[in-house]
Amino acid sequence: MPTAAKLTAAICLAAVGYILSLMVMPLMPESTDFGYFIQLNAVLGLFVGWLVMGRRAGRGTTAAINNGLTGVFVLMLWGVGVQAINEMIRLAMRNRYDGPFEAMVAVFQIGAEFAVIVITVPIVIVAVIASIISGLLVEFAHKHGR
């Protein structure tokens, strides 16, 4: 059922996904072809906001901040995971793996490499601030969006 909290959460996390994507791009090697990187992360933000944060609204201010932190963490987890799968498929099309099990293991290796690149102080600070703001906005939308 659509609610103001779910819509607000989706919009907030789409914006967070967009902003964090712009911050991650300079950290990657210059030869990286980003393709639909920004758009994909914004769409992931829409889904995570709607499905994760929107459902958990209406439990108070502390829970709202925790909801925001959880939402942004899940967004970053899914973002790294989807980008790792995308990279694995790109490498698999170049016959880099001997079998499907090796390709599946590579997803976790690539994801770990991406996570190490992404976890920097500026990105963590922006993610924490954005998560707190998003959580409070979702809580406000839940209380006043009826």
N, C-alpha and C. Protein backbone atom coordinates (compact mmCIF):
# COMPACT_ATOMS: atom_id res chain seq x y z
N MET A 1 0.84 -1.17 0.00
CA MET A 1 0.00 0.00 0.00
C MET A 1 0.89 1.25 0.00
N PRO A 2 0.72 2.12 -0.95
CA PRO A 2 1.53 3.34 -1.00
C PRO A 2 1.22 4.27 0.18
N THR A 3 2.26 4.76 0.78
CA THR A 3 2.12 5.73 1.86
C THR A 3 3.09 6.88 1.61
N ALA A 4 2.87 7.96 2.34
CA ALA A 4 3.78 9.11 2.22
C ALA A 4 5.18 8.74 2.71
N ALA A 5 5.25 7.90 3.73
CA ALA A 5 6.55 7.50 4.26
C ALA A 5 7.32 6.68 3.22
N LYS A 6 6.65 5.75 2.54
CA LYS A 6 7.33 4.94 1.52
C LYS A 6 7.80 5.81 0.36
N LEU A 7 6.97 6.74 -0.08
CA LEU A 7 7.36 7.63 -1.17
C LEU A 7 8.53 8.51 -0.77
N THR A 8 8.47 9.06 0.43
CA THR A 8 9.56 9.91 0.92
C THR A 8 10.86 9.11 1.05
N ALA A 9 10.75 7.90 1.57
CA ALA A 9 11.94 7.05 1.71
C ALA A 9 12.53 6.72 0.35
N ALA A 10 11.67 6.41 -0.62
CA ALA A 10 12.16 6.09 -1.96
C ALA A 10 12.88 7.28 -2.58
N ILE A 11 12.31 8.45 -2.46
CA ILE A 11 12.92 9.65 -3.04
C ILE A 11 14.23 9.99 -2.32
N CYS A 12 14.22 9.90 -0.99
CA CYS A 12 15.44 10.20 -0.22
C CYS A 12 16.58 9.25 -0.58
N LEU A 13 16.30 7.96 -0.63
CA LEU A 13 17.38 7.02 -0.91
C LEU A 13 17.80 7.05 -2.37
N ALA A 14 16.90 7.42 -3.26
CA ALA A 14 17.32 7.62 -4.66
C ALA A 14 18.30 8.78 -4.73
N ALA A 15 18.02 9.84 -3.99
CA ALA A 15 18.95 10.98 -3.96
C ALA A 15 20.27 10.59 -3.31
N VAL A 16 20.21 9.82 -2.24
CA VAL A 16 21.44 9.36 -1.59
C VAL A 16 22.25 8.48 -2.53
N GLY A 17 21.58 7.58 -3.24
CA GLY A 17 22.26 6.73 -4.21
C GLY A 17 22.93 7.55 -5.31
N TYR A 18 22.24 8.58 -5.76
CA TYR A 18 22.79 9.46 -6.80
C TYR A 18 24.03 10.20 -6.28
N ILE A 19 23.92 10.78 -5.09
CA ILE A 19 25.03 11.55 -4.53
C ILE A 19 26.24 10.66 -4.24
N LEU A 20 25.99 9.51 -3.63
CA LEU A 20 27.10 8.61 -3.32
C LEU A 20 27.75 8.07 -4.59
N SER A 21 26.95 7.85 -5.63
CA SER A 21 27.51 7.39 -6.91
C SER A 21 28.47 8.43 -7.49
N LEU A 22 28.06 9.70 -7.41
CA LEU A 22 28.94 10.76 -7.90
C LEU A 22 30.23 10.84 -7.08
N MET A 23 30.15 10.51 -5.80
CA MET A 23 31.34 10.56 -4.96
C MET A 23 32.25 9.35 -5.20
N VAL A 24 31.68 8.22 -5.60
CA VAL A 24 32.46 7.01 -5.82
C VAL A 24 33.21 7.07 -7.15
N MET A 25 32.63 7.68 -8.14
CA MET A 25 33.21 7.67 -9.49
C MET A 25 34.67 8.15 -9.54
N PRO A 26 35.05 9.23 -8.87
CA PRO A 26 36.47 9.64 -8.93
C PRO A 26 37.42 8.66 -8.24
N LEU A 27 36.90 7.80 -7.37
CA LEU A 27 37.75 6.85 -6.66
C LEU A 27 38.13 5.65 -7.51
N MET A 28 37.39 5.40 -8.56
CA MET A 28 37.63 4.23 -9.41
C MET A 28 38.73 4.56 -10.42
N PRO A 29 39.35 3.53 -11.00
CA PRO A 29 40.38 3.78 -12.02
C PRO A 29 39.83 4.58 -13.20
N GLU A 30 40.70 5.34 -13.85
CA GLU A 30 40.27 6.20 -14.94
C GLU A 30 39.67 5.43 -16.11
N SER A 31 40.09 4.21 -16.31
CA SER A 31 39.60 3.43 -17.45
C SER A 31 38.22 2.81 -17.21
N THR A 32 37.63 3.04 -16.05
CA THR A 32 36.35 2.43 -15.72
C THR A 32 35.24 3.00 -16.59
N ASP A 33 34.48 2.10 -17.20
CA ASP A 33 33.29 2.49 -17.97
C ASP A 33 32.10 2.34 -17.04
N PHE A 34 31.49 3.45 -16.65
CA PHE A 34 30.44 3.42 -15.65
C PHE A 34 29.08 3.06 -16.23
N GLY A 35 28.84 3.31 -17.49
CA GLY A 35 27.57 2.94 -18.10
C GLY A 35 26.39 3.55 -17.36
N TYR A 36 25.53 2.68 -16.84
CA TYR A 36 24.34 3.12 -16.12
C TYR A 36 24.55 3.10 -14.61
N PHE A 37 25.75 3.34 -14.17
CA PHE A 37 26.13 3.27 -12.76
C PHE A 37 25.25 4.17 -11.89
N ILE A 38 25.15 5.43 -12.24
CA ILE A 38 24.40 6.39 -11.44
C ILE A 38 22.91 6.05 -11.46
N GLN A 39 22.38 5.78 -12.64
CA GLN A 39 20.96 5.48 -12.76
C GLN A 39 20.59 4.21 -12.01
N LEU A 40 21.44 3.20 -12.11
CA LEU A 40 21.17 1.93 -11.43
C LEU A 40 21.17 2.11 -9.92
N ASN A 41 22.11 2.87 -9.40
CA ASN A 41 22.16 3.09 -7.96
C ASN A 41 20.99 3.95 -7.48
N ALA A 42 20.53 4.87 -8.30
CA ALA A 42 19.35 5.66 -7.93
C ALA A 42 18.10 4.77 -7.91
N VAL A 43 17.98 3.88 -8.87
CA VAL A 43 16.84 2.96 -8.88
C VAL A 43 16.90 2.00 -7.70
N LEU A 44 18.11 1.54 -7.36
CA LEU A 44 18.27 0.72 -6.16
C LEU A 44 17.82 1.50 -4.92
N GLY A 45 18.15 2.79 -4.88
CA GLY A 45 17.70 3.63 -3.78
C GLY A 45 16.18 3.72 -3.71
N LEU A 46 15.54 3.81 -4.87
CA LEU A 46 14.07 3.82 -4.88
C LEU A 46 13.51 2.56 -4.25
N PHE A 47 14.01 1.42 -4.68
CA PHE A 47 13.50 0.15 -4.17
C PHE A 47 13.82 -0.06 -2.70
N VAL A 48 15.04 0.23 -2.29
CA VAL A 48 15.42 0.05 -0.89
C VAL A 48 14.63 1.00 0.00
N GLY A 49 14.46 2.23 -0.44
CA GLY A 49 13.68 3.18 0.33
C GLY A 49 12.24 2.72 0.50
N TRP A 50 11.64 2.28 -0.59
CA TRP A 50 10.24 1.85 -0.55
C TRP A 50 10.08 0.59 0.30
N LEU A 51 10.96 -0.39 0.08
CA LEU A 51 10.79 -1.70 0.71
C LEU A 51 11.35 -1.78 2.13
N VAL A 52 12.47 -1.12 2.39
CA VAL A 52 13.11 -1.25 3.70
C VAL A 52 12.71 -0.12 4.64
N MET A 53 12.96 1.12 4.22
CA MET A 53 12.71 2.24 5.12
C MET A 53 11.23 2.57 5.27
N GLY A 54 10.50 2.52 4.18
CA GLY A 54 9.09 2.92 4.22
C GLY A 54 8.26 2.07 5.16
N ARG A 55 8.56 0.80 5.25
CA ARG A 55 7.81 -0.11 6.12
C ARG A 55 8.05 0.14 7.59
N ARG A 56 9.22 0.66 7.92
CA ARG A 56 9.62 0.78 9.32
C ARG A 56 9.38 2.17 9.89
N ALA A 57 8.62 2.99 9.21
CA ALA A 57 8.38 4.36 9.68
C ALA A 57 7.32 4.36 10.78
N GLY A 58 7.37 5.40 11.61
CA GLY A 58 6.34 5.60 12.62
C GLY A 58 6.65 5.04 13.98
N ARG A 59 7.92 4.87 14.31
CA ARG A 59 8.28 4.26 15.59
C ARG A 59 9.03 5.22 16.51
N GLY A 60 9.11 6.49 16.15
CA GLY A 60 9.78 7.46 17.00
C GLY A 60 11.09 7.97 16.38
N THR A 61 11.66 8.96 17.04
CA THR A 61 12.85 9.63 16.51
C THR A 61 14.08 8.73 16.51
N THR A 62 14.31 8.03 17.59
CA THR A 62 15.48 7.16 17.65
C THR A 62 15.37 6.05 16.61
N ALA A 63 14.20 5.47 16.51
CA ALA A 63 13.97 4.43 15.51
C ALA A 63 14.09 5.00 14.10
N ALA A 64 13.72 6.27 13.91
CA ALA A 64 13.84 6.90 12.60
C ALA A 64 15.30 7.03 12.18
N ILE A 65 16.15 7.42 13.12
CA ILE A 65 17.58 7.53 12.81
C ILE A 65 18.15 6.14 12.50
N ASN A 66 17.76 5.15 13.30
CA ASN A 66 18.20 3.78 13.03
C ASN A 66 17.66 3.28 11.69
N ASN A 67 16.45 3.65 11.37
CA ASN A 67 15.85 3.29 10.08
C ASN A 67 16.65 3.89 8.93
N GLY A 68 17.05 5.15 9.08
CA GLY A 68 17.86 5.80 8.05
C GLY A 68 19.23 5.13 7.89
N LEU A 69 19.87 4.82 9.02
CA LEU A 69 21.16 4.14 8.96
C LEU A 69 21.03 2.77 8.31
N THR A 70 19.98 2.05 8.66
CA THR A 70 19.75 0.74 8.06
C THR A 70 19.50 0.85 6.56
N GLY A 71 18.67 1.82 6.18
CA GLY A 71 18.35 2.00 4.76
C GLY A 71 19.57 2.32 3.92
N VAL A 72 20.40 3.23 4.38
CA VAL A 72 21.60 3.59 3.62
C VAL A 72 22.61 2.44 3.61
N PHE A 73 22.72 1.70 4.72
CA PHE A 73 23.60 0.55 4.75
C PHE A 73 23.14 -0.51 3.74
N VAL A 74 21.84 -0.79 3.72
CA VAL A 74 21.31 -1.77 2.77
C VAL A 74 21.51 -1.28 1.34
N LEU A 75 21.31 0.01 1.11
CA LEU A 75 21.53 0.58 -0.22
C LEU A 75 22.99 0.38 -0.65
N MET A 76 23.92 0.66 0.22
CA MET A 76 25.33 0.50 -0.13
C MET A 76 25.68 -0.98 -0.33
N LEU A 77 25.10 -1.85 0.50
CA LEU A 77 25.34 -3.28 0.36
C LEU A 77 24.82 -3.80 -0.98
N TRP A 78 23.59 -3.43 -1.31
CA TRP A 78 23.02 -3.84 -2.59
C TRP A 78 23.77 -3.21 -3.75
N GLY A 79 24.17 -1.95 -3.60
CA GLY A 79 24.91 -1.28 -4.67
C GLY A 79 26.22 -1.98 -4.97
N VAL A 80 26.98 -2.29 -3.93
CA VAL A 80 28.24 -3.00 -4.13
C VAL A 80 27.98 -4.38 -4.72
N GLY A 81 26.95 -5.05 -4.23
CA GLY A 81 26.63 -6.38 -4.74
C GLY A 81 26.24 -6.39 -6.20
N VAL A 82 25.37 -5.48 -6.58
CA VAL A 82 24.93 -5.41 -7.98
C VAL A 82 26.09 -5.03 -8.89
N GLN A 83 26.91 -4.08 -8.47
CA GLN A 83 28.04 -3.69 -9.29
C GLN A 83 29.07 -4.82 -9.39
N ALA A 84 29.23 -5.60 -8.32
CA ALA A 84 30.15 -6.75 -8.37
C ALA A 84 29.63 -7.81 -9.33
N ILE A 85 28.32 -8.06 -9.30
CA ILE A 85 27.73 -9.02 -10.24
C ILE A 85 27.90 -8.54 -11.67
N ASN A 86 27.69 -7.25 -11.88
CA ASN A 86 27.86 -6.67 -13.21
C ASN A 86 29.30 -6.85 -13.71
N GLU A 87 30.27 -6.60 -12.83
CA GLU A 87 31.68 -6.75 -13.20
C GLU A 87 32.01 -8.22 -13.47
N MET A 88 31.46 -9.12 -12.66
CA MET A 88 31.70 -10.55 -12.88
C MET A 88 31.15 -10.98 -14.24
N ILE A 89 29.97 -10.52 -14.60
CA ILE A 89 29.39 -10.86 -15.90
C ILE A 89 30.26 -10.32 -17.02
N ARG A 90 30.75 -9.09 -16.85
CA ARG A 90 31.64 -8.51 -17.86
C ARG A 90 32.90 -9.37 -18.04
N LEU A 91 33.48 -9.79 -16.93
CA LEU A 91 34.67 -10.63 -17.00
C LEU A 91 34.35 -12.03 -17.52
N ALA A 92 33.19 -12.55 -17.19
CA ALA A 92 32.79 -13.88 -17.67
C ALA A 92 32.61 -13.88 -19.18
N MET A 93 32.14 -12.79 -19.73
CA MET A 93 31.98 -12.70 -21.18
C MET A 93 33.34 -12.68 -21.89
N ARG A 94 34.39 -12.41 -21.15
CA ARG A 94 35.75 -12.46 -21.72
C ARG A 94 36.45 -13.77 -21.37
N ASN A 95 35.67 -14.75 -20.92
CA ASN A 95 36.17 -16.09 -20.58
C ASN A 95 37.26 -16.07 -19.52
N ARG A 96 37.07 -15.29 -18.48
CA ARG A 96 38.05 -15.20 -17.40
C ARG A 96 37.89 -16.32 -16.36
N TYR A 97 36.75 -17.01 -16.37
CA TYR A 97 36.48 -18.02 -15.37
C TYR A 97 36.36 -19.39 -16.01
N ASP A 98 36.80 -20.40 -15.26
CA ASP A 98 36.76 -21.77 -15.77
C ASP A 98 35.39 -22.42 -15.58
N GLY A 99 34.62 -21.91 -14.64
CA GLY A 99 33.31 -22.50 -14.40
C GLY A 99 32.42 -21.57 -13.60
N PRO A 100 31.17 -21.97 -13.38
CA PRO A 100 30.22 -21.11 -12.67
C PRO A 100 30.58 -20.90 -11.20
N PHE A 101 31.16 -21.91 -10.56
CA PHE A 101 31.53 -21.75 -9.16
C PHE A 101 32.62 -20.70 -9.00
N GLU A 102 33.59 -20.71 -9.89
CA GLU A 102 34.66 -19.71 -9.85
C GLU A 102 34.09 -18.31 -10.07
N ALA A 103 33.11 -18.20 -10.94
CA ALA A 103 32.47 -16.90 -11.19
C ALA A 103 31.70 -16.42 -9.96
N MET A 104 31.03 -17.34 -9.28
CA MET A 104 30.28 -16.96 -8.07
C MET A 104 31.22 -16.51 -6.96
N VAL A 105 32.34 -17.18 -6.82
CA VAL A 105 33.33 -16.78 -5.82
C VAL A 105 33.90 -15.41 -6.18
N ALA A 106 34.07 -15.16 -7.46
CA ALA A 106 34.61 -13.88 -7.91
C ALA A 106 33.70 -12.72 -7.56
N VAL A 107 32.38 -12.96 -7.51
CA VAL A 107 31.46 -11.89 -7.12
C VAL A 107 31.82 -11.37 -5.73
N PHE A 108 32.11 -12.27 -4.81
CA PHE A 108 32.45 -11.85 -3.45
C PHE A 108 33.82 -11.18 -3.39
N GLN A 109 34.76 -11.66 -4.18
CA GLN A 109 36.07 -11.03 -4.23
C GLN A 109 35.98 -9.62 -4.82
N ILE A 110 35.25 -9.50 -5.91
CA ILE A 110 35.09 -8.19 -6.55
C ILE A 110 34.33 -7.25 -5.62
N GLY A 111 33.30 -7.76 -4.96
CA GLY A 111 32.53 -6.94 -4.02
C GLY A 111 33.40 -6.45 -2.87
N ALA A 112 34.27 -7.30 -2.37
CA ALA A 112 35.17 -6.89 -1.29
C ALA A 112 36.14 -5.82 -1.77
N GLU A 113 36.64 -5.97 -3.00
CA GLU A 113 37.53 -4.94 -3.56
C GLU A 113 36.81 -3.61 -3.72
N PHE A 114 35.57 -3.66 -4.21
CA PHE A 114 34.78 -2.44 -4.37
C PHE A 114 34.51 -1.80 -3.01
N ALA A 115 34.20 -2.61 -2.00
CA ALA A 115 33.91 -2.08 -0.68
C ALA A 115 35.12 -1.37 -0.09
N VAL A 116 36.30 -1.92 -0.31
CA VAL A 116 37.53 -1.27 0.18
C VAL A 116 37.74 0.07 -0.51
N ILE A 117 37.43 0.14 -1.78
CA ILE A 117 37.58 1.39 -2.52
C ILE A 117 36.56 2.43 -2.04
N VAL A 118 35.34 1.98 -1.76
CA VAL A 118 34.24 2.89 -1.44
C VAL A 118 34.31 3.41 0.00
N ILE A 119 34.81 2.61 0.92
CA ILE A 119 34.82 3.02 2.33
C ILE A 119 35.94 4.03 2.56
N THR A 120 35.59 5.28 2.36
CA THR A 120 36.51 6.39 2.65
C THR A 120 35.81 7.32 3.63
N VAL A 121 36.57 8.15 4.27
CA VAL A 121 36.01 9.04 5.29
C VAL A 121 34.94 9.97 4.71
N PRO A 122 35.17 10.64 3.56
CA PRO A 122 34.12 11.53 3.05
C PRO A 122 32.82 10.79 2.71
N ILE A 123 32.94 9.61 2.15
CA ILE A 123 31.73 8.86 1.78
C ILE A 123 30.99 8.39 3.03
N VAL A 124 31.72 7.95 4.04
CA VAL A 124 31.08 7.52 5.28
C VAL A 124 30.39 8.70 5.96
N ILE A 125 31.03 9.85 5.98
CA ILE A 125 30.41 11.03 6.60
C ILE A 125 29.14 11.43 5.86
N VAL A 126 29.21 11.49 4.55
CA VAL A 126 28.02 11.84 3.76
C VAL A 126 26.93 10.80 3.94
N ALA A 127 27.30 9.53 3.98
CA ALA A 127 26.30 8.47 4.15
C ALA A 127 25.62 8.56 5.52
N VAL A 128 26.37 8.83 6.56
CA VAL A 128 25.78 8.94 7.90
C VAL A 128 24.87 10.16 7.99
N ILE A 129 25.32 11.29 7.50
CA ILE A 129 24.49 12.50 7.54
C ILE A 129 23.23 12.31 6.70
N ALA A 130 23.39 11.75 5.51
CA ALA A 130 22.23 11.52 4.64
C ALA A 130 21.27 10.51 5.25
N SER A 131 21.79 9.52 5.95
CA SER A 131 20.91 8.53 6.55
C SER A 131 20.10 9.13 7.69
N ILE A 132 20.72 9.97 8.49
CA ILE A 132 19.99 10.62 9.58
C ILE A 132 18.91 11.54 9.03
N ILE A 133 19.27 12.34 8.05
CA ILE A 133 18.28 13.25 7.44
C ILE A 133 17.15 12.45 6.80
N SER A 134 17.49 11.40 6.07
CA SER A 134 16.47 10.58 5.41
C SER A 134 15.54 9.94 6.43
N GLY A 135 16.11 9.39 7.49
CA GLY A 135 15.28 8.76 8.51
C GLY A 135 14.32 9.74 9.16
N LEU A 136 14.81 10.94 9.46
CA LEU A 136 13.94 11.95 10.08
C LEU A 136 12.87 12.44 9.10
N LEU A 137 13.22 12.58 7.82
CA LEU A 137 12.23 12.99 6.82
C LEU A 137 11.15 11.93 6.64
N VAL A 138 11.54 10.69 6.65
CA VAL A 138 10.56 9.61 6.53
C VAL A 138 9.63 9.58 7.74
N GLU A 139 10.18 9.78 8.90
CA GLU A 139 9.35 9.83 10.11
C GLU A 139 8.39 11.02 10.08
N PHE A 140 8.88 12.16 9.62
CA PHE A 140 8.02 13.34 9.49
C PHE A 140 6.90 13.07 8.48
N ALA A 141 7.24 12.45 7.37
CA ALA A 141 6.22 12.13 6.35
C ALA A 141 5.20 11.14 6.89
N HIS A 142 5.63 10.22 7.72
CA HIS A 142 4.69 9.25 8.30
C HIS A 142 3.70 9.95 9.24
N LYS A 143 4.22 10.88 10.05
CA LYS A 143 3.35 11.55 11.02
C LYS A 143 2.40 12.55 10.37
N HIS A 144 2.88 13.25 9.32
CA HIS A 144 2.09 14.34 8.74
C HIS A 144 1.50 14.00 7.39
N GLY A 145 1.77 12.82 6.88
CA GLY A 145 1.30 12.48 5.55
C GLY A 145 0.01 11.70 5.52
N ARG A 146 -0.80 11.88 6.48
CA ARG A 146 -2.07 11.12 6.54
C ARG A 146 -3.19 11.91 5.96
